[in-house]
């Protein structure tokens, strides 16, 4: 049973043996946040403040967690070079580099794409997602490179978001995956949700107990060599980590993926690039489509793994 007060989370232990940080993380708090709360003296077991994450919780004990008030982030303009593919009064299409976080968050308060965009447009972005994610209609992961659309006005934001909801957005990716494929084309149609054992990860959910949403990815094998494959992928839905989870679920994790696969020194994080984006312009009604060239890091992986000729 959980009781939530103004700043308290009170949890009653129903079984023995759980390590304190794991016990807390089973209640919609990330493991890293749980450790920080414990080490900062914000966790009490019974009447005792416990600062050891390895403390073992016993049946019947009451764990009280003081959750400090969040310090609000305020995205600020920063003069960071970004590649603008297209821009008008309503929207921007930007080619995000690998390694850049899309918007500020705890642990990444600045040097994000949003910080760069605020400087570029002098703050003129849609307000729908608040001061932390102004203009952000959809996201791609930090270590995924490629095309992203950003709204300048609230009207553009609403209309673009509706296209994503209706799955009428065109989004194609290029990826290097582990293993060879028997077929040159395929579809992964499997619902995705939060991993029940690790809330920071996504996973394919096949039961009716855990929450999930439909997810569909189509792939085409462009080339294969030495136990690796170069793929083009099309998203029919846009779930968090969709390509990474779907490909890992069929035994072909994205090369370099340190969360759903295996890290590799040849590629810092997953070798995944958002290569094409298409949408109906929110004001003109015209269908627009943009493509980018492969970034250097991706071409280097293809060459090293002999998936293209040097």
C-alpha atoms as a PDB file:
ATOM      1  CA  UNK A   1       0.000   0.000   0.000  1.00  0.00           C
ATOM      2  CA  UNK A   2       1.258   3.505  -0.840  1.00  0.00           C
ATOM      3  CA  UNK A   3       0.187   6.728   0.808  1.00  0.00           C
ATOM      4  CA  UNK A   4       1.324   9.964  -0.761  1.00  0.00           C
ATOM      5  CA  UNK A   5       1.460  13.133   1.343  1.00  0.00           C
ATOM      6  CA  UNK A   6       2.598  16.581   0.254  1.00  0.00           C
ATOM      7  CA  UNK A   7       6.254  15.603   0.119  1.00  0.00           C
ATOM      8  CA  UNK A   8       6.235  12.072   1.521  1.00  0.00           C
ATOM      9  CA  UNK A   9       5.940   8.603   0.060  1.00  0.00           C
ATOM     10  CA  UNK A  10       5.118   5.969   2.675  1.00  0.00           C
ATOM     11  CA  UNK A  11       5.588   2.324   1.677  1.00  0.00           C
ATOM     12  CA  UNK A  12       4.751  -0.740   3.794  1.00  0.00           C
ATOM     13  CA  UNK A  13       7.011  -3.715   3.134  1.00  0.00           C
ATOM     14  CA  UNK A  14       5.132  -6.936   2.431  1.00  0.00           C
ATOM     15  CA  UNK A  15       8.109  -9.292   2.160  1.00  0.00           C
ATOM     16  CA  UNK A  16      11.682  -9.774   3.409  1.00  0.00           C
ATOM     17  CA  UNK A  17      14.968  -9.482   1.638  1.00  0.00           C
ATOM     18  CA  UNK A  18      14.610  -6.521  -0.698  1.00  0.00           C
ATOM     19  CA  UNK A  19      17.620  -4.230  -0.838  1.00  0.00           C
ATOM     20  CA  UNK A  20      16.467  -0.735   0.068  1.00  0.00           C
ATOM     21  CA  UNK A  21      17.257   0.975  -3.257  1.00  0.00           C
ATOM     22  CA  UNK A  22      15.601  -1.830  -5.231  1.00  0.00           C
ATOM     23  CA  UNK A  23      12.577  -1.796  -2.908  1.00  0.00           C
ATOM     24  CA  UNK A  24      12.088   1.930  -3.495  1.00  0.00           C
ATOM     25  CA  UNK A  25      12.636   1.643  -7.252  1.00  0.00           C
ATOM     26  CA  UNK A  26       9.734  -0.830  -7.454  1.00  0.00           C
ATOM     27  CA  UNK A  27       7.410   2.069  -6.673  1.00  0.00           C
ATOM     28  CA  UNK A  28       7.748   4.378  -9.710  1.00  0.00           C
ATOM     29  CA  UNK A  29      11.092   5.848  -8.623  1.00  0.00           C
ATOM     30  CA  UNK A  30      14.193   5.180 -10.709  1.00  0.00           C
ATOM     31  CA  UNK A  31      17.061   3.244  -9.130  1.00  0.00           C
ATOM     32  CA  UNK A  32      19.441   6.196  -9.476  1.00  0.00           C
ATOM     33  CA  UNK A  33      16.922   8.549  -7.861  1.00  0.00           C
ATOM     34  CA  UNK A  34      16.366   6.027  -5.056  1.00  0.00           C
ATOM     35  CA  UNK A  35      20.102   5.899  -4.330  1.00  0.00           C
ATOM     36  CA  UNK A  36      20.306   9.710  -4.225  1.00  0.00           C
ATOM     37  CA  UNK A  37      17.352   9.910  -1.828  1.00  0.00           C
ATOM     38  CA  UNK A  38      18.916   7.290   0.456  1.00  0.00           C
ATOM     39  CA  UNK A  39      22.410   8.794   0.478  1.00  0.00           C
ATOM     40  CA  UNK A  40      21.038  12.295   1.116  1.00  0.00           C
ATOM     41  CA  UNK A  41      19.241  11.162   4.278  1.00  0.00           C
ATOM     42  CA  UNK A  42      15.716  11.353   2.864  1.00  0.00           C
ATOM     43  CA  UNK A  43      14.751   7.740   3.634  1.00  0.00           C
ATOM     44  CA  UNK A  44      13.597   6.445   7.009  1.00  0.00           C
ATOM     45  CA  UNK A  45      12.989   2.789   7.834  1.00  0.00           C
ATOM     46  CA  UNK A  46      10.769   2.657  10.898  1.00  0.00           C
ATOM     47  CA  UNK A  47      12.126   5.479  13.036  1.00  0.00           C
ATOM     48  CA  UNK A  48      15.704   5.342  11.728  1.00  0.00           C
ATOM     49  CA  UNK A  49      17.232   7.325   8.863  1.00  0.00           C
ATOM     50  CA  UNK A  50      19.043   4.837   6.634  1.00  0.00           C
ATOM     51  CA  UNK A  51      21.802   6.012   4.285  1.00  0.00           C
ATOM     52  CA  UNK A  52      22.965   2.557   3.143  1.00  0.00           C
ATOM     53  CA  UNK A  53      21.373   1.498  -0.136  1.00  0.00           C
ATOM     54  CA  UNK A  54      22.192  -2.156   0.694  1.00  0.00           C
ATOM     55  CA  UNK A  55      20.025  -2.135   3.828  1.00  0.00           C
ATOM     56  CA  UNK A  56      17.651  -5.116   3.784  1.00  0.00           C
ATOM     57  CA  UNK A  57      13.955  -4.324   4.237  1.00  0.00           C
ATOM     58  CA  UNK A  58      11.862  -6.666   6.400  1.00  0.00           C
ATOM     59  CA  UNK A  59       8.177  -7.574   6.304  1.00  0.00           C
ATOM     60  CA  UNK A  60       5.999  -5.065   8.139  1.00  0.00           C
ATOM     61  CA  UNK A  61       8.542  -2.249   8.148  1.00  0.00           C
ATOM     62  CA  UNK A  62       7.442   1.216   7.087  1.00  0.00           C
ATOM     63  CA  UNK A  63       9.704   3.008   4.636  1.00  0.00           C
ATOM     64  CA  UNK A  64       9.172   6.765   4.541  1.00  0.00           C
ATOM     65  CA  UNK A  65      10.686   8.749   1.687  1.00  0.00           C
ATOM     66  CA  UNK A  66      10.964  12.515   1.760  1.00  0.00           C
ATOM     67  CA  UNK A  67      10.870  13.737  -1.835  1.00  0.00           C
ATOM     68  CA  UNK A  68      12.447  17.210  -2.001  1.00  0.00           C
ATOM     69  CA  UNK A  69      10.691  19.792  -4.092  1.00  0.00           C
ATOM     70  CA  UNK A  70      12.097  19.701  -7.597  1.00  0.00           C
ATOM     71  CA  UNK A  71      14.307  22.572  -8.593  1.00  0.00           C
ATOM     72  CA  UNK A  72      12.666  23.944 -11.751  1.00  0.00           C
ATOM     73  CA  UNK A  73      14.809  23.894 -14.844  1.00  0.00           C
ATOM     74  CA  UNK A  74      14.716  26.884 -17.104  1.00  0.00           C
ATOM     75  CA  UNK A  75      16.043  26.346 -20.594  1.00  0.00           C
ATOM     76  CA  UNK A  76      18.234  29.274 -21.612  1.00  0.00           C
ATOM     77  CA  UNK A  77      19.544  30.267 -25.028  1.00  0.00           C
ATOM     78  CA  UNK A  78      23.070  29.072 -25.817  1.00  0.00           C
ATOM     79  CA  UNK A  79      25.137  29.821 -28.897  1.00  0.00           C
ATOM     80  CA  UNK A  80      25.638  26.232 -30.049  1.00  0.00           C
ATOM     81  CA  UNK A  81      26.042  25.471 -33.776  1.00  0.00           C
ATOM     82  CA  UNK A  82      23.205  23.381 -35.221  1.00  0.00           C
ATOM     83  CA  UNK A  83      22.395  22.270 -38.756  1.00  0.00           C
ATOM     84  CA  UNK A  84      19.107  23.750 -39.961  1.00  0.00           C
ATOM     85  CA  UNK A  85      17.724  21.767 -42.920  1.00  0.00           C
ATOM     86  CA  UNK A  86      14.587  23.867 -43.369  1.00  0.00           C
ATOM     87  CA  UNK A  87      12.996  26.825 -41.612  1.00  0.00           C
ATOM     88  CA  UNK A  88      10.018  29.124 -42.072  1.00  0.00           C
ATOM     89  CA  UNK A  89       7.699  31.090 -39.762  1.00  0.00           C
ATOM     90  CA  UNK A  90       5.978  27.935 -38.500  1.00  0.00           C
ATOM     91  CA  UNK A  91       8.580  25.237 -38.043  1.00  0.00           C
ATOM     92  CA  UNK A  92      12.208  24.141 -38.202  1.00  0.00           C
ATOM     93  CA  UNK A  93      13.685  20.865 -39.434  1.00  0.00           C
ATOM     94  CA  UNK A  94      17.024  20.269 -37.764  1.00  0.00           C
ATOM     95  CA  UNK A  95      19.685  17.591 -38.248  1.00  0.00           C
ATOM     96  CA  UNK A  96      20.638  16.646 -34.678  1.00  0.00           C
ATOM     97  CA  UNK A  97      24.178  15.350 -34.161  1.00  0.00           C
ATOM     98  CA  UNK A  98      24.906  12.156 -32.268  1.00  0.00           C
ATOM     99  CA  UNK A  99      25.575  12.820 -28.580  1.00  0.00           C
ATOM    100  CA  UNK A 100      23.316  15.878 -28.239  1.00  0.00           C
ATOM    101  CA  UNK A 101      20.401  15.674 -25.795  1.00  0.00           C
ATOM    102  CA  UNK A 102      17.140  17.088 -27.189  1.00  0.00           C
ATOM    103  CA  UNK A 103      15.951  19.050 -24.138  1.00  0.00           C
ATOM    104  CA  UNK A 104      17.161  19.918 -20.610  1.00  0.00           C
ATOM    105  CA  UNK A 105      16.585  17.396 -17.836  1.00  0.00           C
ATOM    106  CA  UNK A 106      18.194  16.567 -14.486  1.00  0.00           C
ATOM    107  CA  UNK A 107      21.792  15.670 -15.297  1.00  0.00           C
ATOM    108  CA  UNK A 108      21.639  17.542 -18.613  1.00  0.00           C
ATOM    109  CA  UNK A 109      20.624  21.119 -17.725  1.00  0.00           C
ATOM    110  CA  UNK A 110      22.184  22.771 -20.763  1.00  0.00           C
ATOM    111  CA  UNK A 111      24.041  22.293 -24.067  1.00  0.00           C
ATOM    112  CA  UNK A 112      20.921  20.650 -25.481  1.00  0.00           C
ATOM    113  CA  UNK A 113      19.176  21.099 -28.812  1.00  0.00           C
ATOM    114  CA  UNK A 114      16.537  23.264 -27.105  1.00  0.00           C
ATOM    115  CA  UNK A 115      19.238  25.583 -25.722  1.00  0.00           C
ATOM    116  CA  UNK A 116      20.668  25.934 -29.224  1.00  0.00           C
ATOM    117  CA  UNK A 117      17.258  26.514 -30.806  1.00  0.00           C
ATOM    118  CA  UNK A 118      16.285  29.192 -28.283  1.00  0.00           C
ATOM    119  CA  UNK A 119      19.402  31.131 -29.278  1.00  0.00           C
ATOM    120  CA  UNK A 120      18.815  30.586 -32.992  1.00  0.00           C
ATOM    121  CA  UNK A 121      15.173  31.749 -33.019  1.00  0.00           C
ATOM    122  CA  UNK A 122      15.545  34.228 -30.136  1.00  0.00           C
ATOM    123  CA  UNK A 123      13.069  32.302 -28.003  1.00  0.00           C
ATOM    124  CA  UNK A 124      10.322  32.010 -30.610  1.00  0.00           C
ATOM    125  CA  UNK A 125       9.157  28.432 -30.115  1.00  0.00           C
ATOM    126  CA  UNK A 126       5.765  26.935 -29.265  1.00  0.00           C
ATOM    127  CA  UNK A 127       4.804  26.929 -25.582  1.00  0.00           C
ATOM    128  CA  UNK A 128       2.743  23.741 -25.510  1.00  0.00           C
ATOM    129  CA  UNK A 129       5.442  21.620 -23.849  1.00  0.00           C
ATOM    130  CA  UNK A 130       6.449  24.303 -21.330  1.00  0.00           C
ATOM    131  CA  UNK A 131       9.778  26.003 -20.653  1.00  0.00           C
ATOM    132  CA  UNK A 132      11.834  22.793 -20.689  1.00  0.00           C
ATOM    133  CA  UNK A 133      10.699  21.419 -24.044  1.00  0.00           C
ATOM    134  CA  UNK A 134       9.567  24.439 -26.063  1.00  0.00           C
ATOM    135  CA  UNK A 135       8.779  23.545 -29.644  1.00  0.00           C
ATOM    136  CA  UNK A 136       9.593  19.849 -29.259  1.00  0.00           C
ATOM    137  CA  UNK A 137       6.978  17.854 -31.147  1.00  0.00           C
ATOM    138  CA  UNK A 138       8.851  14.537 -31.040  1.00  0.00           C
ATOM    139  CA  UNK A 139      12.239  13.380 -29.800  1.00  0.00           C
ATOM    140  CA  UNK A 140      15.118  11.136 -30.758  1.00  0.00           C
ATOM    141  CA  UNK A 141      17.605   9.656 -28.307  1.00  0.00           C
ATOM    142  CA  UNK A 142      20.838  11.338 -27.331  1.00  0.00           C
ATOM    143  CA  UNK A 143      22.968   8.876 -29.307  1.00  0.00           C
ATOM    144  CA  UNK A 144      20.628   8.755 -32.301  1.00  0.00           C
ATOM    145  CA  UNK A 145      21.462  11.284 -34.984  1.00  0.00           C
ATOM    146  CA  UNK A 146      19.255  12.784 -37.638  1.00  0.00           C
ATOM    147  CA  UNK A 147      16.144  14.732 -38.494  1.00  0.00           C
ATOM    148  CA  UNK A 148      13.814  16.302 -35.973  1.00  0.00           C
ATOM    149  CA  UNK A 149      10.930  18.717 -36.506  1.00  0.00           C
ATOM    150  CA  UNK A 150      10.418  21.661 -34.123  1.00  0.00           C
ATOM    151  CA  UNK A 151       7.341  23.908 -33.954  1.00  0.00           C
ATOM    152  CA  UNK A 152       7.622  27.681 -33.702  1.00  0.00           C
ATOM    153  CA  UNK A 153       3.926  28.306 -33.031  1.00  0.00           C
ATOM    154  CA  UNK A 154       1.332  26.569 -30.886  1.00  0.00           C
ATOM    155  CA  UNK A 155      -0.922  26.045 -33.912  1.00  0.00           C
ATOM    156  CA  UNK A 156       1.870  24.334 -35.857  1.00  0.00           C
ATOM    157  CA  UNK A 157       2.695  22.211 -32.810  1.00  0.00           C
ATOM    158  CA  UNK A 158      -0.897  20.984 -32.427  1.00  0.00           C
ATOM    159  CA  UNK A 159      -1.266  20.100 -36.114  1.00  0.00           C
ATOM    160  CA  UNK A 160       2.075  18.302 -36.307  1.00  0.00           C
ATOM    161  CA  UNK A 161       1.365  16.393 -33.090  1.00  0.00           C
ATOM    162  CA  UNK A 162      -1.966  15.292 -34.535  1.00  0.00           C
ATOM    163  CA  UNK A 163      -0.188  13.861 -37.590  1.00  0.00           C
ATOM    164  CA  UNK A 164       2.092  11.861 -35.318  1.00  0.00           C
ATOM    165  CA  UNK A 165      -0.915  10.617 -33.339  1.00  0.00           C
ATOM    166  CA  UNK A 166      -2.611   9.519 -36.549  1.00  0.00           C
ATOM    167  CA  UNK A 167       0.619   7.857 -37.773  1.00  0.00           C
ATOM    168  CA  UNK A 168       0.654   9.943 -40.954  1.00  0.00           C
ATOM    169  CA  UNK A 169       4.173  11.226 -40.287  1.00  0.00           C
ATOM    170  CA  UNK A 170       6.904   9.700 -42.477  1.00  0.00           C
ATOM    171  CA  UNK A 171       9.922   8.614 -40.457  1.00  0.00           C
ATOM    172  CA  UNK A 172      12.662   6.443 -41.900  1.00  0.00           C
ATOM    173  CA  UNK A 173      15.864   5.418 -40.149  1.00  0.00           C
ATOM    174  CA  UNK A 174      19.114   3.760 -41.122  1.00  0.00           C
ATOM    175  CA  UNK A 175      20.766   1.365 -38.692  1.00  0.00           C
ATOM    176  CA  UNK A 176      23.499  -1.196 -38.338  1.00  0.00           C
ATOM    177  CA  UNK A 177      22.235  -4.282 -36.529  1.00  0.00           C
ATOM    178  CA  UNK A 178      23.928  -7.378 -35.169  1.00  0.00           C
ATOM    179  CA  UNK A 179      23.502 -10.628 -37.106  1.00  0.00           C
ATOM    180  CA  UNK A 180      22.434 -11.699 -40.559  1.00  0.00           C
ATOM    181  CA  UNK A 181      18.817 -11.913 -41.778  1.00  0.00           C
ATOM    182  CA  UNK A 182      17.228 -14.805 -43.665  1.00  0.00           C
ATOM    183  CA  UNK A 183      14.733 -12.465 -45.333  1.00  0.00           C
ATOM    184  CA  UNK A 184      15.503  -9.113 -46.935  1.00  0.00           C
ATOM    185  CA  UNK A 185      12.285  -7.542 -45.618  1.00  0.00           C
ATOM    186  CA  UNK A 186      10.290  -7.894 -42.443  1.00  0.00           C
ATOM    187  CA  UNK A 187       7.907  -6.325 -39.956  1.00  0.00           C
ATOM    188  CA  UNK A 188       8.031  -6.305 -36.169  1.00  0.00           C
ATOM    189  CA  UNK A 189       4.530  -5.746 -34.831  1.00  0.00           C
ATOM    190  CA  UNK A 190       4.753  -5.977 -31.046  1.00  0.00           C
ATOM    191  CA  UNK A 191       3.350  -3.743 -28.274  1.00  0.00           C
ATOM    192  CA  UNK A 192       5.814  -1.805 -26.138  1.00  0.00           C
ATOM    193  CA  UNK A 193       5.688  -0.649 -22.531  1.00  0.00           C
ATOM    194  CA  UNK A 194       7.862   0.030 -19.524  1.00  0.00           C
ATOM    195  CA  UNK A 195      10.003  -2.943 -18.555  1.00  0.00           C
ATOM    196  CA  UNK A 196       8.390  -4.283 -15.341  1.00  0.00           C
ATOM    197  CA  UNK A 197      11.843  -5.054 -13.899  1.00  0.00           C
ATOM    198  CA  UNK A 198      13.577  -1.830 -14.945  1.00  0.00           C
ATOM    199  CA  UNK A 199      11.410   1.274 -15.350  1.00  0.00           C
ATOM    200  CA  UNK A 200      14.132   3.110 -17.292  1.00  0.00           C
ATOM    201  CA  UNK A 201      13.907   0.559 -20.096  1.00  0.00           C
ATOM    202  CA  UNK A 202      11.185  -0.287 -22.579  1.00  0.00           C
ATOM    203  CA  UNK A 203      10.277  -3.834 -23.557  1.00  0.00           C
ATOM    204  CA  UNK A 204       7.907  -5.898 -25.648  1.00  0.00           C
ATOM    205  CA  UNK A 205       4.838  -6.564 -23.479  1.00  0.00           C
ATOM    206  CA  UNK A 206       2.831  -9.653 -24.368  1.00  0.00           C
ATOM    207  CA  UNK A 207       0.594  -9.933 -21.292  1.00  0.00           C
ATOM    208  CA  UNK A 208      -2.492  -7.949 -20.244  1.00  0.00           C
ATOM    209  CA  UNK A 209      -1.172  -7.181 -16.772  1.00  0.00           C
ATOM    210  CA  UNK A 210       1.374  -4.511 -17.714  1.00  0.00           C
ATOM    211  CA  UNK A 211       0.541  -1.373 -19.683  1.00  0.00           C
ATOM    212  CA  UNK A 212       1.615  -1.309 -23.336  1.00  0.00           C
ATOM    213  CA  UNK A 213       0.874   0.474 -26.594  1.00  0.00           C
ATOM    214  CA  UNK A 214       0.810  -0.908 -30.149  1.00  0.00           C
ATOM    215  CA  UNK A 215       4.092  -0.528 -32.019  1.00  0.00           C
ATOM    216  CA  UNK A 216       5.049  -1.474 -35.576  1.00  0.00           C
ATOM    217  CA  UNK A 217       8.397  -1.270 -37.377  1.00  0.00           C
ATOM    218  CA  UNK A 218       9.138  -2.285 -40.963  1.00  0.00           C
ATOM    219  CA  UNK A 219      12.701  -3.086 -42.032  1.00  0.00           C
ATOM    220  CA  UNK A 220      14.644  -3.722 -45.222  1.00  0.00           C
ATOM    221  CA  UNK A 221      18.119  -5.241 -45.311  1.00  0.00           C
ATOM    222  CA  UNK A 222      20.410  -3.158 -47.522  1.00  0.00           C
ATOM    223  CA  UNK A 223      23.578  -5.238 -47.054  1.00  0.00           C
ATOM    224  CA  UNK A 224      25.124  -7.866 -44.765  1.00  0.00           C
ATOM    225  CA  UNK A 225      28.691  -8.867 -43.960  1.00  0.00           C
ATOM    226  CA  UNK A 226      30.580 -10.660 -41.211  1.00  0.00           C
ATOM    227  CA  UNK A 227      27.650 -11.046 -38.848  1.00  0.00           C
ATOM    228  CA  UNK A 228      26.285  -7.484 -39.230  1.00  0.00           C
ATOM    229  CA  UNK A 229      23.543  -5.942 -41.344  1.00  0.00           C
ATOM    230  CA  UNK A 230      22.792  -2.487 -42.686  1.00  0.00           C
ATOM    231  CA  UNK A 231      19.065  -1.720 -42.542  1.00  0.00           C
ATOM    232  CA  UNK A 232      16.502   0.848 -43.592  1.00  0.00           C
ATOM    233  CA  UNK A 233      13.598   1.025 -41.126  1.00  0.00           C
ATOM    234  CA  UNK A 234      10.209   2.697 -41.279  1.00  0.00           C
ATOM    235  CA  UNK A 235       8.200   3.645 -38.194  1.00  0.00           C
ATOM    236  CA  UNK A 236       4.438   3.179 -38.318  1.00  0.00           C
ATOM    237  CA  UNK A 237       4.274   4.264 -34.671  1.00  0.00           C
ATOM    238  CA  UNK A 238       6.688   6.362 -32.621  1.00  0.00           C
ATOM    239  CA  UNK A 239       7.169   4.726 -29.233  1.00  0.00           C
ATOM    240  CA  UNK A 240      10.113   5.415 -26.936  1.00  0.00           C
ATOM    241  CA  UNK A 241      13.173   3.403 -28.065  1.00  0.00           C
ATOM    242  CA  UNK A 242      10.934   1.607 -30.575  1.00  0.00           C
ATOM    243  CA  UNK A 243      13.538   0.546 -33.146  1.00  0.00           C
ATOM    244  CA  UNK A 244      16.089  -0.369 -30.495  1.00  0.00           C
ATOM    245  CA  UNK A 245      13.648  -2.560 -28.551  1.00  0.00           C
ATOM    246  CA  UNK A 246      12.003  -4.135 -31.596  1.00  0.00           C
ATOM    247  CA  UNK A 247      15.283  -5.137 -33.205  1.00  0.00           C
ATOM    248  CA  UNK A 248      16.665  -6.485 -29.928  1.00  0.00           C
ATOM    249  CA  UNK A 249      13.452  -8.481 -29.432  1.00  0.00           C
ATOM    250  CA  UNK A 250      14.062 -10.446 -32.664  1.00  0.00           C
ATOM    251  CA  UNK A 251      17.712 -11.069 -31.820  1.00  0.00           C
ATOM    252  CA  UNK A 252      19.223  -8.242 -33.880  1.00  0.00           C
ATOM    253  CA  UNK A 253      20.060  -5.367 -31.495  1.00  0.00           C
ATOM    254  CA  UNK A 254      21.292  -2.115 -32.983  1.00  0.00           C
ATOM    255  CA  UNK A 255      25.097  -2.136 -33.150  1.00  0.00           C
ATOM    256  CA  UNK A 256      26.681  -0.294 -30.203  1.00  0.00           C
ATOM    257  CA  UNK A 257      23.446  -0.091 -28.181  1.00  0.00           C
ATOM    258  CA  UNK A 258      24.615  -0.121 -24.562  1.00  0.00           C
ATOM    259  CA  UNK A 259      21.075  -0.534 -23.172  1.00  0.00           C
ATOM    260  CA  UNK A 260      19.386  -3.182 -25.310  1.00  0.00           C
ATOM    261  CA  UNK A 261      22.453  -4.726 -26.899  1.00  0.00           C
ATOM    262  CA  UNK A 262      26.201  -4.575 -26.364  1.00  0.00           C
ATOM    263  CA  UNK A 263      28.419  -1.472 -26.394  1.00  0.00           C
ATOM    264  CA  UNK A 264      31.254  -1.284 -28.897  1.00  0.00           C
ATOM    265  CA  UNK A 265      34.241   1.065 -28.983  1.00  0.00           C
ATOM    266  CA  UNK A 266      33.685   1.583 -32.713  1.00  0.00           C
ATOM    267  CA  UNK A 267      30.461   3.450 -32.020  1.00  0.00           C
ATOM    268  CA  UNK A 268      29.661   5.483 -28.889  1.00  0.00           C
ATOM    269  CA  UNK A 269      26.074   4.349 -28.394  1.00  0.00           C
ATOM    270  CA  UNK A 270      23.684   2.886 -30.972  1.00  0.00           C
ATOM    271  CA  UNK A 271      24.416   3.233 -34.688  1.00  0.00           C
ATOM    272  CA  UNK A 272      21.034   4.684 -35.610  1.00  0.00           C
ATOM    273  CA  UNK A 273      20.249   7.654 -37.855  1.00  0.00           C
ATOM    274  CA  UNK A 274      16.900   9.372 -38.564  1.00  0.00           C
ATOM    275  CA  UNK A 275      17.459   9.769 -42.292  1.00  0.00           C
ATOM    276  CA  UNK A 276      14.074  10.891 -43.647  1.00  0.00           C
ATOM    277  CA  UNK A 277      11.103  12.826 -42.329  1.00  0.00           C
ATOM    278  CA  UNK A 278       7.896  13.752 -44.101  1.00  0.00           C
ATOM    279  CA  UNK A 279       4.804  15.663 -42.997  1.00  0.00           C
ATOM    280  CA  UNK A 280       2.000  17.944 -44.142  1.00  0.00           C
ATOM    281  CA  UNK A 281       2.903  21.571 -43.539  1.00  0.00           C
ATOM    282  CA  UNK A 282       0.553  22.851 -40.798  1.00  0.00           C
ATOM    283  CA  UNK A 283      -0.220  26.107 -42.627  1.00  0.00           C
ATOM    284  CA  UNK A 284       0.113  25.469 -46.365  1.00  0.00           C
ATOM    285  CA  UNK A 285      -1.208  21.886 -46.408  1.00  0.00           C
ATOM    286  CA  UNK A 286       1.716  20.909 -48.667  1.00  0.00           C
ATOM    287  CA  UNK A 287       3.422  17.549 -48.111  1.00  0.00           C
ATOM    288  CA  UNK A 288       7.111  18.113 -47.380  1.00  0.00           C
ATOM    289  CA  UNK A 289       9.878  15.534 -47.155  1.00  0.00           C
ATOM    290  CA  UNK A 290      13.530  15.875 -46.153  1.00  0.00           C
ATOM    291  CA  UNK A 291      16.516  13.524 -46.208  1.00  0.00           C
ATOM    292  CA  UNK A 292      20.044  13.812 -44.835  1.00  0.00           C
ATOM    293  CA  UNK A 293      23.359  12.301 -45.771  1.00  0.00           C
ATOM    294  CA  UNK A 294      24.928   9.776 -43.443  1.00  0.00           C
ATOM    295  CA  UNK A 295      27.070  11.359 -40.720  1.00  0.00           C
ATOM    296  CA  UNK A 296      30.767  10.500 -40.559  1.00  0.00           C
ATOM    297  CA  UNK A 297      30.472   8.221 -37.517  1.00  0.00           C
ATOM    298  CA  UNK A 298      27.904   6.074 -39.338  1.00  0.00           C
ATOM    299  CA  UNK A 299      29.939   5.852 -42.537  1.00  0.00           C
ATOM    300  CA  UNK A 300      32.964   4.850 -40.469  1.00  0.00           C
ATOM    301  CA  UNK A 301      31.034   1.942 -38.925  1.00  0.00           C
ATOM    302  CA  UNK A 302      29.800   0.809 -42.356  1.00  0.00           C
ATOM    303  CA  UNK A 303      33.335   0.870 -43.740  1.00  0.00           C
ATOM    304  CA  UNK A 304      34.923  -0.892 -40.758  1.00  0.00           C
ATOM    305  CA  UNK A 305      32.293  -3.648 -40.824  1.00  0.00           C
ATOM    306  CA  UNK A 306      32.575  -3.900 -44.632  1.00  0.00           C
ATOM    307  CA  UNK A 307      28.902  -3.113 -45.176  1.00  0.00           C
ATOM    308  CA  UNK A 308      29.776  -0.631 -47.944  1.00  0.00           C
ATOM    309  CA  UNK A 309      32.812  -0.217 -50.154  1.00  0.00           C
ATOM    310  CA  UNK A 310      35.395   2.295 -48.896  1.00  0.00           C
END
